[in-house]
Amino acid sequence: MIAEDLRKLLKAEPFEPLCIGLSDGRAVHVFHPDQVVVSQRHVYVGLARIARSAPLATPRRPGAIAKDWLWVNILHVATVEQLNGGRVRGQRSVRARRGRHNRRL
């Protein structure tokens, strides 16, 4: 996925909640586009919380302040799907690289 493609999906009117699939198998549910920042090489996602039993997700309320964040290299974005089940972007091959930070891929 190219950064510009993800940025267009986040700016779509009306916004449809997304599920960003990562190369390590995790998924991030995006309920509001204001919780995601896309740069040329990274995606920064504000999270409601990080818990082993719950999927990673942004806060559901538009004005909510994120409690934590996730920093992902754009190369690790494997898929983007609408949360209602519709596929937005197909899967692509991804290089696996690990960062030094525990919340960075």
PDB file of N, CA and C in Angstrom:
ATOM      1  N   MET A   1       0.852  -1.179   0.000  1.00  0.00           N
ATOM      2  CA  MET A   1       0.000   0.000   0.000  1.00  0.00           C
ATOM      3  C   MET A   1       0.894   1.237   0.000  1.00  0.00           C
ATOM      4  N   ILE A   2       0.555   2.159  -0.831  1.00  0.00           N
ATOM      5  CA  ILE A   2       1.282   3.419  -0.899  1.00  0.00           C
ATOM      6  C   ILE A   2       0.618   4.384   0.083  1.00  0.00           C
ATOM      7  N   ALA A   3       1.422   5.239   0.673  1.00  0.00           N
ATOM      8  CA  ALA A   3       0.911   6.182   1.666  1.00  0.00           C
ATOM      9  C   ALA A   3      -0.237   7.013   1.112  1.00  0.00           C
ATOM     10  N   GLU A   4      -0.132   7.437  -0.121  1.00  0.00           N
ATOM     11  CA  GLU A   4      -1.176   8.273  -0.720  1.00  0.00           C
ATOM     12  C   GLU A   4      -2.504   7.518  -0.840  1.00  0.00           C
ATOM     13  N   ASP A   5      -2.459   6.217  -1.120  1.00  0.00           N
ATOM     14  CA  ASP A   5      -3.679   5.408  -1.189  1.00  0.00           C
ATOM     15  C   ASP A   5      -4.389   5.378   0.161  1.00  0.00           C
ATOM     16  N   LEU A   6      -3.632   5.160   1.222  1.00  0.00           N
ATOM     17  CA  LEU A   6      -4.216   5.122   2.561  1.00  0.00           C
ATOM     18  C   LEU A   6      -4.764   6.496   2.942  1.00  0.00           C
ATOM     19  N   ARG A   7      -4.060   7.538   2.595  1.00  0.00           N
ATOM     20  CA  ARG A   7      -4.516   8.895   2.896  1.00  0.00           C
ATOM     21  C   ARG A   7      -5.853   9.188   2.210  1.00  0.00           C
ATOM     22  N   LYS A   8      -6.011   8.743   0.957  1.00  0.00           N
ATOM     23  CA  LYS A   8      -7.277   8.952   0.240  1.00  0.00           C
ATOM     24  C   LYS A   8      -8.424   8.223   0.921  1.00  0.00           C
ATOM     25  N   LEU A   9      -8.174   7.006   1.389  1.00  0.00           N
ATOM     26  CA  LEU A   9      -9.218   6.254   2.091  1.00  0.00           C
ATOM     27  C   LEU A   9      -9.635   6.951   3.379  1.00  0.00           C
ATOM     28  N   LEU A  10      -8.675   7.534   4.080  1.00  0.00           N
ATOM     29  CA  LEU A  10      -8.974   8.212   5.343  1.00  0.00           C
ATOM     30  C   LEU A  10      -9.716   9.530   5.123  1.00  0.00           C
ATOM     31  N   LYS A  11      -9.551  10.150   3.953  1.00  0.00           N
ATOM     32  CA  LYS A  11     -10.214  11.430   3.674  1.00  0.00           C
ATOM     33  C   LYS A  11     -11.526  11.269   2.923  1.00  0.00           C
ATOM     34  N   ALA A  12     -11.914  10.034   2.623  1.00  0.00           N
ATOM     35  CA  ALA A  12     -13.147   9.789   1.872  1.00  0.00           C
ATOM     36  C   ALA A  12     -14.362  10.316   2.636  1.00  0.00           C
ATOM     37  N   GLU A  13     -15.319  10.869   1.902  1.00  0.00           N
ATOM     38  CA  GLU A  13     -16.564  11.375   2.486  1.00  0.00           C
ATOM     39  C   GLU A  13     -17.715  10.562   1.942  1.00  0.00           C
ATOM     40  N   PRO A  14     -18.550   9.953   2.721  1.00  0.00           N
ATOM     41  CA  PRO A  14     -18.419   9.804   4.165  1.00  0.00           C
ATOM     42  C   PRO A  14     -17.377   8.737   4.494  1.00  0.00           C
ATOM     43  N   PHE A  15     -16.744   8.902   5.634  1.00  0.00           N
ATOM     44  CA  PHE A  15     -15.705   7.959   6.047  1.00  0.00           C
ATOM     45  C   PHE A  15     -16.331   6.633   6.454  1.00  0.00           C
ATOM     46  N   GLU A  16     -15.768   5.557   5.949  1.00  0.00           N
ATOM     47  CA  GLU A  16     -16.182   4.207   6.334  1.00  0.00           C
ATOM     48  C   GLU A  16     -15.105   3.636   7.251  1.00  0.00           C
ATOM     49  N   PRO A  17     -15.466   3.114   8.430  1.00  0.00           N
ATOM     50  CA  PRO A  17     -14.457   2.529   9.328  1.00  0.00           C
ATOM     51  C   PRO A  17     -13.638   1.460   8.607  1.00  0.00           C
ATOM     52  N   LEU A  18     -12.340   1.437   8.916  1.00  0.00           N
ATOM     53  CA  LEU A  18     -11.397   0.552   8.237  1.00  0.00           C
ATOM     54  C   LEU A  18     -10.747  -0.423   9.195  1.00  0.00           C
ATOM     55  N   CYS A  19     -10.252  -1.508   8.650  1.00  0.00           N
ATOM     56  CA  CYS A  19      -9.414  -2.452   9.374  1.00  0.00           C
ATOM     57  C   CYS A  19      -8.086  -2.519   8.626  1.00  0.00           C
ATOM     58  N   ILE A  20      -7.018  -2.092   9.279  1.00  0.00           N
ATOM     59  CA  ILE A  20      -5.680  -2.123   8.673  1.00  0.00           C
ATOM     60  C   ILE A  20      -4.997  -3.405   9.143  1.00  0.00           C
ATOM     61  N   GLY A  21      -4.719  -4.296   8.202  1.00  0.00           N
ATOM     62  CA  GLY A  21      -4.035  -5.549   8.511  1.00  0.00           C
ATOM     63  C   GLY A  21      -2.529  -5.362   8.408  1.00  0.00           C
ATOM     64  N   LEU A  22      -1.810  -5.809   9.430  1.00  0.00           N
ATOM     65  CA  LEU A  22      -0.356  -5.654   9.473  1.00  0.00           C
ATOM     66  C   LEU A  22       0.345  -6.955   9.107  1.00  0.00           C
ATOM     67  N   SER A  23       1.587  -6.858   8.720  1.00  0.00           N
ATOM     68  CA  SER A  23       2.342  -8.028   8.259  1.00  0.00           C
ATOM     69  C   SER A  23       2.578  -9.056   9.355  1.00  0.00           C
ATOM     70  N   ASP A  24       2.473  -8.675  10.628  1.00  0.00           N
ATOM     71  CA  ASP A  24       2.675  -9.648  11.709  1.00  0.00           C
ATOM     72  C   ASP A  24       1.375 -10.326  12.128  1.00  0.00           C
ATOM     73  N   GLY A  25       0.294 -10.084  11.388  1.00  0.00           N
ATOM     74  CA  GLY A  25      -0.975 -10.739  11.675  1.00  0.00           C
ATOM     75  C   GLY A  25      -1.941  -9.910  12.502  1.00  0.00           C
ATOM     76  N   ARG A  26      -1.466  -8.830  13.121  1.00  0.00           N
ATOM     77  CA  ARG A  26      -2.367  -7.985  13.901  1.00  0.00           C
ATOM     78  C   ARG A  26      -3.230  -7.138  12.979  1.00  0.00           C
ATOM     79  N   ALA A  27      -4.329  -6.637  13.526  1.00  0.00           N
ATOM     80  CA  ALA A  27      -5.220  -5.750  12.788  1.00  0.00           C
ATOM     81  C   ALA A  27      -5.526  -4.539  13.659  1.00  0.00           C
ATOM     82  N   VAL A  28      -5.677  -3.382  13.032  1.00  0.00           N
ATOM     83  CA  VAL A  28      -6.013  -2.150  13.738  1.00  0.00           C
ATOM     84  C   VAL A  28      -7.336  -1.648  13.178  1.00  0.00           C
ATOM     85  N   HIS A  29      -8.342  -1.487  14.039  1.00  0.00           N
ATOM     86  CA  HIS A  29      -9.638  -0.969  13.622  1.00  0.00           C
ATOM     87  C   HIS A  29      -9.614   0.550  13.739  1.00  0.00           C
ATOM     88  N   VAL A  30      -9.936   1.217  12.647  1.00  0.00           N
ATOM     89  CA  VAL A  30      -9.942   2.682  12.606  1.00  0.00           C
ATOM     90  C   VAL A  30     -11.392   3.138  12.509  1.00  0.00           C
ATOM     91  N   PHE A  31     -11.893   3.748  13.597  1.00  0.00           N
ATOM     92  CA  PHE A  31     -13.271   4.199  13.637  1.00  0.00           C
ATOM     93  C   PHE A  31     -13.417   5.665  13.262  1.00  0.00           C
ATOM     94  N   HIS A  32     -12.325   6.421  13.344  1.00  0.00           N
ATOM     95  CA  HIS A  32     -12.373   7.837  12.984  1.00  0.00           C
ATOM     96  C   HIS A  32     -11.041   8.233  12.366  1.00  0.00           C
ATOM     97  N   PRO A  33     -11.049   8.908  11.227  1.00  0.00           N
ATOM     98  CA  PRO A  33      -9.802   9.215  10.521  1.00  0.00           C
ATOM     99  C   PRO A  33      -8.889  10.195  11.248  1.00  0.00           C
ATOM    100  N   ASP A  34      -9.404  10.957  12.206  1.00  0.00           N
ATOM    101  CA  ASP A  34      -8.559  11.908  12.936  1.00  0.00           C
ATOM    102  C   ASP A  34      -7.530  11.222  13.823  1.00  0.00           C
ATOM    103  N   GLN A  35      -7.680   9.931  14.063  1.00  0.00           N
ATOM    104  CA  GLN A  35      -6.758   9.193  14.928  1.00  0.00           C
ATOM    105  C   GLN A  35      -5.597   8.580  14.147  1.00  0.00           C
ATOM    106  N   VAL A  36      -5.495   8.868  12.847  1.00  0.00           N
ATOM    107  CA  VAL A  36      -4.448   8.284  12.009  1.00  0.00           C
ATOM    108  C   VAL A  36      -3.691   9.395  11.291  1.00  0.00           C
ATOM    109  N   VAL A  37      -2.372   9.315  11.342  1.00  0.00           N
ATOM    110  CA  VAL A  37      -1.512  10.235  10.598  1.00  0.00           C
ATOM    111  C   VAL A  37      -0.661   9.402   9.658  1.00  0.00           C
ATOM    112  N   VAL A  38      -0.669   9.777   8.387  1.00  0.00           N
ATOM    113  CA  VAL A  38       0.086   9.039   7.382  1.00  0.00           C
ATOM    114  C   VAL A  38       1.210   9.935   6.879  1.00  0.00           C
ATOM    115  N   SER A  39       2.447   9.430   6.959  1.00  0.00           N
ATOM    116  CA  SER A  39       3.580  10.121   6.349  1.00  0.00           C
ATOM    117  C   SER A  39       4.054   9.254   5.185  1.00  0.00           C
ATOM    118  N   GLN A  40       5.081   9.676   4.498  1.00  0.00           N
ATOM    119  CA  GLN A  40       5.555   8.931   3.342  1.00  0.00           C
ATOM    120  C   GLN A  40       6.025   7.525   3.706  1.00  0.00           C
ATOM    121  N   ARG A  41       6.571   7.338   4.914  1.00  0.00           N
ATOM    122  CA  ARG A  41       7.130   6.042   5.312  1.00  0.00           C
ATOM    123  C   ARG A  41       6.454   5.376   6.492  1.00  0.00           C
ATOM    124  N   HIS A  42       5.611   6.104   7.238  1.00  0.00           N
ATOM    125  CA  HIS A  42       5.034   5.549   8.457  1.00  0.00           C
ATOM    126  C   HIS A  42       3.549   5.869   8.576  1.00  0.00           C
ATOM    127  N   VAL A  43       2.882   5.062   9.387  1.00  0.00           N
ATOM    128  CA  VAL A  43       1.497   5.310   9.775  1.00  0.00           C
ATOM    129  C   VAL A  43       1.492   5.382  11.297  1.00  0.00           C
ATOM    130  N   TYR A  44       0.973   6.474  11.838  1.00  0.00           N
ATOM    131  CA  TYR A  44       0.866   6.666  13.280  1.00  0.00           C
ATOM    132  C   TYR A  44      -0.620   6.552  13.630  1.00  0.00           C
ATOM    133  N   VAL A  45      -0.958   5.647  14.561  1.00  0.00           N
ATOM    134  CA  VAL A  45      -2.359   5.406  14.915  1.00  0.00           C
ATOM    135  C   VAL A  45      -2.544   5.632  16.406  1.00  0.00           C
ATOM    136  N   GLY A  46      -3.476   6.514  16.749  1.00  0.00           N
ATOM    137  CA  GLY A  46      -3.849   6.708  18.144  1.00  0.00           C
ATOM    138  C   GLY A  46      -4.787   5.599  18.576  1.00  0.00           C
ATOM    139  N   LEU A  47      -4.497   4.958  19.689  1.00  0.00           N
ATOM    140  CA  LEU A  47      -5.268   3.800  20.133  1.00  0.00           C
ATOM    141  C   LEU A  47      -6.076   4.103  21.386  1.00  0.00           C
ATOM    142  N   ALA A  48      -7.232   3.456  21.497  1.00  0.00           N
ATOM    143  CA  ALA A  48      -8.054   3.591  22.697  1.00  0.00           C
ATOM    144  C   ALA A  48      -7.358   2.931  23.881  1.00  0.00           C
ATOM    145  N   ARG A  49      -6.717   1.787  23.635  1.00  0.00           N
ATOM    146  CA  ARG A  49      -5.951   1.072  24.665  1.00  0.00           C
ATOM    147  C   ARG A  49      -5.218  -0.079  23.995  1.00  0.00           C
ATOM    148  N   ILE A  50      -4.262  -0.627  24.699  1.00  0.00           N
ATOM    149  CA  ILE A  50      -3.585  -1.828  24.232  1.00  0.00           C
ATOM    150  C   ILE A  50      -3.869  -2.915  25.248  1.00  0.00           C
ATOM    151  N   ALA A  51      -4.555  -3.955  24.804  1.00  0.00           N
ATOM    152  CA  ALA A  51      -4.883  -5.085  25.675  1.00  0.00           C
ATOM    153  C   ALA A  51      -4.723  -6.364  24.866  1.00  0.00           C
ATOM    154  N   ARG A  52      -4.216  -7.391  25.500  1.00  0.00           N
ATOM    155  CA  ARG A  52      -4.017  -8.666  24.800  1.00  0.00           C
ATOM    156  C   ARG A  52      -5.328  -9.286  24.346  1.00  0.00           C
ATOM    157  N   SER A  53      -6.394  -9.067  25.102  1.00  0.00           N
ATOM    158  CA  SER A  53      -7.662  -9.722  24.796  1.00  0.00           C
ATOM    159  C   SER A  53      -8.516  -8.946  23.790  1.00  0.00           C
ATOM    160  N   ALA A  54      -8.187  -7.700  23.519  1.00  0.00           N
ATOM    161  CA  ALA A  54      -8.993  -6.877  22.615  1.00  0.00           C
ATOM    162  C   ALA A  54      -8.174  -6.504  21.379  1.00  0.00           C
ATOM    163  N   PRO A  55      -8.851  -6.351  20.235  1.00  0.00           N
ATOM    164  CA  PRO A  55      -8.114  -5.917  19.045  1.00  0.00           C
ATOM    165  C   PRO A  55      -7.653  -4.472  19.198  1.00  0.00           C
ATOM    166  N   LEU A  56      -6.589  -4.124  18.491  1.00  0.00           N
ATOM    167  CA  LEU A  56      -6.129  -2.743  18.496  1.00  0.00           C
ATOM    168  C   LEU A  56      -7.183  -1.902  17.794  1.00  0.00           C
ATOM    169  N   ALA A  57      -7.544  -0.765  18.386  1.00  0.00           N
ATOM    170  CA  ALA A  57      -8.580   0.076  17.793  1.00  0.00           C
ATOM    171  C   ALA A  57      -8.399   1.520  18.212  1.00  0.00           C
ATOM    172  N   THR A  58      -8.839   2.424  17.343  1.00  0.00           N
ATOM    173  CA  THR A  58      -8.849   3.835  17.681  1.00  0.00           C
ATOM    174  C   THR A  58     -10.054   4.097  18.578  1.00  0.00           C
ATOM    175  N   PRO A  59     -10.060   5.232  19.297  1.00  0.00           N
ATOM    176  CA  PRO A  59     -11.256   5.575  20.072  1.00  0.00           C
ATOM    177  C   PRO A  59     -12.458   5.727  19.140  1.00  0.00           C
ATOM    178  N   ARG A  60     -13.637   5.357  19.617  1.00  0.00           N
ATOM    179  CA  ARG A  60     -14.843   5.420  18.777  1.00  0.00           C
ATOM    180  C   ARG A  60     -15.399   6.836  18.645  1.00  0.00           C
ATOM    181  N   ARG A  61     -15.210   7.676  19.664  1.00  0.00           N
ATOM    182  CA  ARG A  61     -15.718   9.045  19.613  1.00  0.00           C
ATOM    183  C   ARG A  61     -14.752   9.933  18.832  1.00  0.00           C
ATOM    184  N   PRO A  62     -15.250  10.788  17.942  1.00  0.00           N
ATOM    185  CA  PRO A  62     -14.376  11.632  17.124  1.00  0.00           C
ATOM    186  C   PRO A  62     -13.437  12.536  17.919  1.00  0.00           C
ATOM    187  N   GLY A  63     -13.889  13.122  19.014  1.00  0.00           N
ATOM    188  CA  GLY A  63     -13.065  14.049  19.768  1.00  0.00           C
ATOM    189  C   GLY A  63     -12.232  13.426  20.877  1.00  0.00           C
ATOM    190  N   ALA A  64     -12.261  12.113  21.000  1.00  0.00           N
ATOM    191  CA  ALA A  64     -11.565  11.431  22.098  1.00  0.00           C
ATOM    192  C   ALA A  64     -10.052  11.525  21.931  1.00  0.00           C
ATOM    193  N   ILE A  65      -9.363  11.565  23.051  1.00  0.00           N
ATOM    194  CA  ILE A  65      -7.902  11.599  23.051  1.00  0.00           C
ATOM    195  C   ILE A  65      -7.388  10.174  23.178  1.00  0.00           C
ATOM    196  N   ALA A  66      -6.446   9.829  22.330  1.00  0.00           N
ATOM    197  CA  ALA A  66      -5.879   8.480  22.336  1.00  0.00           C
ATOM    198  C   ALA A  66      -5.116   8.229  23.637  1.00  0.00           C
ATOM    199  N   LYS A  67      -5.195   7.016  24.147  1.00  0.00           N
ATOM    200  CA  LYS A  67      -4.481   6.646  25.367  1.00  0.00           C
ATOM    201  C   LYS A  67      -3.093   6.091  25.062  1.00  0.00           C
ATOM    202  N   ASP A  68      -2.903   5.596  23.852  1.00  0.00           N
ATOM    203  CA  ASP A  68      -1.619   5.044  23.434  1.00  0.00           C
ATOM    204  C   ASP A  68      -1.492   5.233  21.932  1.00  0.00           C
ATOM    205  N   TRP A  69      -0.401   4.805  21.361  1.00  0.00           N
ATOM    206  CA  TRP A  69      -0.203   4.968  19.926  1.00  0.00           C
ATOM    207  C   TRP A  69       0.588   3.796  19.365  1.00  0.00           C
ATOM    208  N   LEU A  70       0.475   3.633  18.066  1.00  0.00           N
ATOM    209  CA  LEU A  70       1.190   2.587  17.353  1.00  0.00           C
ATOM    210  C   LEU A  70       1.882   3.233  16.161  1.00  0.00           C
ATOM    211  N   TRP A  71       3.148   2.913  15.985  1.00  0.00           N
ATOM    212  CA  TRP A  71       3.949   3.468  14.906  1.00  0.00           C
ATOM    213  C   TRP A  71       4.315   2.313  13.981  1.00  0.00           C
ATOM    214  N   VAL A  72       3.847   2.362  12.727  1.00  0.00           N
ATOM    215  CA  VAL A  72       4.024   1.262  11.789  1.00  0.00           C
ATOM    216  C   VAL A  72       4.712   1.765  10.529  1.00  0.00           C
ATOM    217  N   ASN A  73       5.740   1.054  10.078  1.00  0.00           N
ATOM    218  CA  ASN A  73       6.350   1.349   8.795  1.00  0.00           C
ATOM    219  C   ASN A  73       5.332   1.021   7.713  1.00  0.00           C
ATOM    220  N   ILE A  74       5.196   1.865   6.707  1.00  0.00           N
ATOM    221  CA  ILE A  74       4.191   1.681   5.667  1.00  0.00           C
ATOM    222  C   ILE A  74       4.362   0.342   4.944  1.00  0.00           C
ATOM    223  N   LEU A  75       5.575  -0.204   4.936  1.00  0.00           N
ATOM    224  CA  LEU A  75       5.821  -1.498   4.300  1.00  0.00           C
ATOM    225  C   LEU A  75       5.104  -2.640   5.010  1.00  0.00           C
ATOM    226  N   HIS A  76       4.732  -2.430   6.271  1.00  0.00           N
ATOM    227  CA  HIS A  76       4.067  -3.469   7.049  1.00  0.00           C
ATOM    228  C   HIS A  76       2.544  -3.406   6.987  1.00  0.00           C
ATOM    229  N   VAL A  77       2.012  -2.473   6.217  1.00  0.00           N
ATOM    230  CA  VAL A  77       0.562  -2.442   5.992  1.00  0.00           C
ATOM    231  C   VAL A  77       0.277  -3.437   4.882  1.00  0.00           C
ATOM    232  N   ALA A  78      -0.311  -4.580   5.258  1.00  0.00           N
ATOM    233  CA  ALA A  78      -0.545  -5.660   4.294  1.00  0.00           C
ATOM    234  C   ALA A  78      -1.898  -5.539   3.607  1.00  0.00           C
ATOM    235  N   THR A  79      -2.931  -5.186   4.352  1.00  0.00           N
ATOM    236  CA  THR A  79      -4.272  -5.061   3.785  1.00  0.00           C
ATOM    237  C   THR A  79      -5.004  -3.899   4.428  1.00  0.00           C
ATOM    238  N   VAL A  80      -6.001  -3.397   3.714  1.00  0.00           N
ATOM    239  CA  VAL A  80      -6.937  -2.422   4.273  1.00  0.00           C
ATOM    240  C   VAL A  80      -8.320  -2.848   3.817  1.00  0.00           C
ATOM    241  N   GLU A  81      -9.208  -3.075   4.787  1.00  0.00           N
ATOM    242  CA  GLU A  81     -10.575  -3.519   4.492  1.00  0.00           C
ATOM    243  C   GLU A  81     -11.557  -2.656   5.258  1.00  0.00           C
ATOM    244  N   GLN A  82     -12.757  -2.520   4.706  1.00  0.00           N
ATOM    245  CA  GLN A  82     -13.802  -1.848   5.453  1.00  0.00           C
ATOM    246  C   GLN A  82     -14.235  -2.774   6.579  1.00  0.00           C
ATOM    247  N   LEU A  83     -14.577  -2.211   7.732  1.00  0.00           N
ATOM    248  CA  LEU A  83     -14.976  -3.036   8.869  1.00  0.00           C
ATOM    249  C   LEU A  83     -16.284  -3.781   8.619  1.00  0.00           C
ATOM    250  N   ASN A  84     -17.092  -3.329   7.676  1.00  0.00           N
ATOM    251  CA  ASN A  84     -18.330  -4.046   7.372  1.00  0.00           C
ATOM    252  C   ASN A  84     -18.086  -5.238   6.457  1.00  0.00           C
ATOM    253  N   GLY A  85     -16.817  -5.532   6.148  1.00  0.00           N
ATOM    254  CA  GLY A  85     -16.490  -6.738   5.394  1.00  0.00           C
ATOM    255  C   GLY A  85     -16.060  -6.504   3.964  1.00  0.00           C
ATOM    256  N   GLY A  86     -16.274  -5.321   3.415  1.00  0.00           N
ATOM    257  CA  GLY A  86     -15.881  -5.065   2.029  1.00  0.00           C
ATOM    258  C   GLY A  86     -14.388  -4.847   1.899  1.00  0.00           C
ATOM    259  N   ARG A  87     -13.782  -5.487   0.913  1.00  0.00           N
ATOM    260  CA  ARG A  87     -12.336  -5.343   0.709  1.00  0.00           C
ATOM    261  C   ARG A  87     -12.076  -4.037  -0.024  1.00  0.00           C
ATOM    262  N   VAL A  88     -11.154  -3.250   0.520  1.00  0.00           N
ATOM    263  CA  VAL A  88     -10.778  -1.992  -0.093  1.00  0.00           C
ATOM    264  C   VAL A  88      -9.533  -2.163  -0.930  1.00  0.00           C
ATOM    265  N   ARG A  89      -8.590  -2.896  -0.420  1.00  0.00           N
ATOM    266  CA  ARG A  89      -7.300  -3.041  -1.090  1.00  0.00           C
ATOM    267  C   ARG A  89      -6.838  -4.481  -0.906  1.00  0.00           C
ATOM    268  N   GLY A  90      -6.354  -5.104  -1.949  1.00  0.00           N
ATOM    269  CA  GLY A  90      -5.899  -6.490  -1.870  1.00  0.00           C
ATOM    270  C   GLY A  90      -4.596  -6.634  -1.116  1.00  0.00           C
ATOM    271  N   GLN A  91      -4.282  -7.876  -0.791  1.00  0.00           N
ATOM    272  CA  GLN A  91      -3.056  -8.168  -0.062  1.00  0.00           C
ATOM    273  C   GLN A  91      -1.859  -8.027  -0.992  1.00  0.00           C
ATOM    274  N   ARG A  92      -0.744  -7.670  -0.437  1.00  0.00           N
ATOM    275  CA  ARG A  92       0.481  -7.571  -1.227  1.00  0.00           C
ATOM    276  C   ARG A  92       1.607  -8.172  -0.429  1.00  0.00           C
ATOM    277  N   SER A  93       2.691  -8.487  -1.090  1.00  0.00           N
ATOM    278  CA  SER A  93       3.833  -9.035  -0.355  1.00  0.00           C
ATOM    279  C   SER A  93       4.495  -7.924   0.440  1.00  0.00           C
ATOM    280  N   VAL A  94       5.019  -8.280   1.591  1.00  0.00           N
ATOM    281  CA  VAL A  94       5.594  -7.307   2.496  1.00  0.00           C
ATOM    282  C   VAL A  94       6.926  -7.826   3.004  1.00  0.00           C
ATOM    283  N   ARG A  95       7.918  -6.961   3.077  1.00  0.00           N
ATOM    284  CA  ARG A  95       9.190  -7.364   3.680  1.00  0.00           C
ATOM    285  C   ARG A  95       9.040  -7.321   5.188  1.00  0.00           C
ATOM    286  N   ALA A  96       9.556  -8.329   5.865  1.00  0.00           N
ATOM    287  CA  ALA A  96       9.462  -8.371   7.330  1.00  0.00           C
ATOM    288  C   ALA A  96      10.722  -7.767   7.924  1.00  0.00           C
ATOM    289  N   ARG A  97      10.531  -6.660   8.641  1.00  0.00           N
ATOM    290  CA  ARG A  97      11.629  -6.012   9.345  1.00  0.00           C
ATOM    291  C   ARG A  97      11.140  -5.674  10.736  1.00  0.00           C
ATOM    292  N   ARG A  98      11.956  -5.849  11.718  1.00  0.00           N
ATOM    293  CA  ARG A  98      11.577  -5.527  13.096  1.00  0.00           C
ATOM    294  C   ARG A  98      12.339  -4.280  13.542  1.00  0.00           C
ATOM    295  N   GLY A  99      11.640  -3.412  14.257  1.00  0.00           N
ATOM    296  CA  GLY A  99      12.262  -2.218  14.812  1.00  0.00           C
ATOM    297  C   GLY A  99      12.764  -2.491  16.213  1.00  0.00           C
ATOM    298  N   ARG A 100      13.438  -1.504  16.783  1.00  0.00           N
ATOM    299  CA  ARG A 100      13.952  -1.649  18.148  1.00  0.00           C
ATOM    300  C   ARG A 100      12.919  -1.315  19.197  1.00  0.00           C
ATOM    301  N   HIS A 101      11.884  -0.571  18.835  1.00  0.00           N
ATOM    302  CA  HIS A 101      10.875  -0.146  19.812  1.00  0.00           C
ATOM    303  C   HIS A 101       9.780  -1.199  19.879  1.00  0.00           C
ATOM    304  N   ASN A 102       9.230  -1.411  21.063  1.00  0.00           N
ATOM    305  CA  ASN A 102       8.232  -2.469  21.219  1.00  0.00           C
ATOM    306  C   ASN A 102       6.909  -2.166  20.526  1.00  0.00           C
ATOM    307  N   ARG A 103       6.620  -0.936  20.199  1.00  0.00           N
ATOM    308  CA  ARG A 103       5.375  -0.611  19.513  1.00  0.00           C
ATOM    309  C   ARG A 103       5.622  -0.201  18.077  1.00  0.00           C
ATOM    310  N   ARG A 104       6.772  -0.488  17.602  1.00  0.00           N
ATOM    311  CA  ARG A 104       7.108  -0.132  16.234  1.00  0.00           C
ATOM    312  C   ARG A 104       7.378  -1.408  15.450  1.00  0.00           C
ATOM    313  N   LEU A 105       6.854  -1.480  14.248  1.00  0.00           N
ATOM    314  CA  LEU A 105       7.122  -2.621  13.383  1.00  0.00           C
ATOM    315  C   LEU A 105       8.188  -2.263  12.395  1.00  0.00           C
TER     316      LEU A 105
END
